[in-house]
Amino acid sequence: MNKISDVLTVISFILFIVIKIFENNNYSMASLLCGAIFIWKGRVFVGEGI
């Protein structure tokens, strides 16, 4: 189950880097918040799955 949360973390991190490079700072901050929420929801889902 840890592998799933690790994959979600890596995907969110990569997306954040890409968006930060190609978009403005405001969009980068929004993507960071969305990424954090996505990771949190993913971990909660994995926790409930166990």
Protein backbone atom coordinates (compact mmCIF):
# COMPACT_ATOMS: atom_id res chain seq x y z
CA MET A 1 0.00 0.00 0.00
CA ASN A 2 2.95 2.33 0.60
CA LYS A 3 3.88 2.06 -3.08
CA ILE A 4 0.55 3.64 -4.08
CA SER A 5 1.06 6.73 -1.91
CA ASP A 6 4.67 6.98 -3.14
CA VAL A 7 3.49 6.96 -6.75
CA LEU A 8 0.89 9.66 -6.02
CA THR A 9 3.56 11.78 -4.34
CA VAL A 10 5.96 11.43 -7.27
CA ILE A 11 3.26 12.23 -9.84
CA SER A 12 2.10 15.30 -7.92
CA PHE A 13 5.70 16.49 -7.51
CA ILE A 14 6.48 16.09 -11.21
CA LEU A 15 3.28 17.89 -12.22
CA PHE A 16 4.11 20.73 -9.82
CA ILE A 17 7.61 21.13 -11.31
CA VAL A 18 6.27 21.13 -14.88
CA ILE A 19 3.53 23.65 -14.10
CA LYS A 20 5.96 25.84 -12.15
CA ILE A 21 8.24 25.99 -15.18
CA PHE A 22 5.56 26.71 -17.79
CA GLU A 23 3.03 28.78 -15.83
CA ASN A 24 2.99 31.92 -13.68
CA ASN A 25 3.61 31.93 -9.93
CA ASN A 26 -0.11 32.13 -9.14
CA TYR A 27 -0.80 28.96 -11.11
CA SER A 28 2.18 27.27 -9.44
CA MET A 29 0.77 28.02 -5.99
CA ALA A 30 -2.63 26.68 -7.06
CA SER A 31 -1.02 23.52 -8.42
CA LEU A 32 0.89 23.07 -5.16
CA LEU A 33 -2.33 23.29 -3.14
CA CYS A 34 -4.11 20.89 -5.50
CA GLY A 35 -1.17 18.50 -5.30
CA ALA A 36 -1.18 18.60 -1.50
CA ILE A 37 -4.93 17.90 -1.40
CA PHE A 38 -4.52 15.10 -3.96
CA ILE A 39 -1.77 13.44 -1.89
CA TRP A 40 -3.81 13.82 1.32
CA LYS A 41 -6.91 12.28 -0.27
CA GLY A 42 -4.78 9.48 -1.73
CA ARG A 43 -3.30 8.61 1.67
CA VAL A 44 -6.73 8.69 3.33
CA PHE A 45 -8.07 6.36 0.62
CA VAL A 46 -5.15 3.96 1.06
CA GLY A 47 -5.61 4.08 4.84
CA GLU A 48 -9.28 3.15 4.50
CA GLY A 49 -8.34 0.38 2.06
CA ILE A 50 -6.20 -1.29 4.72
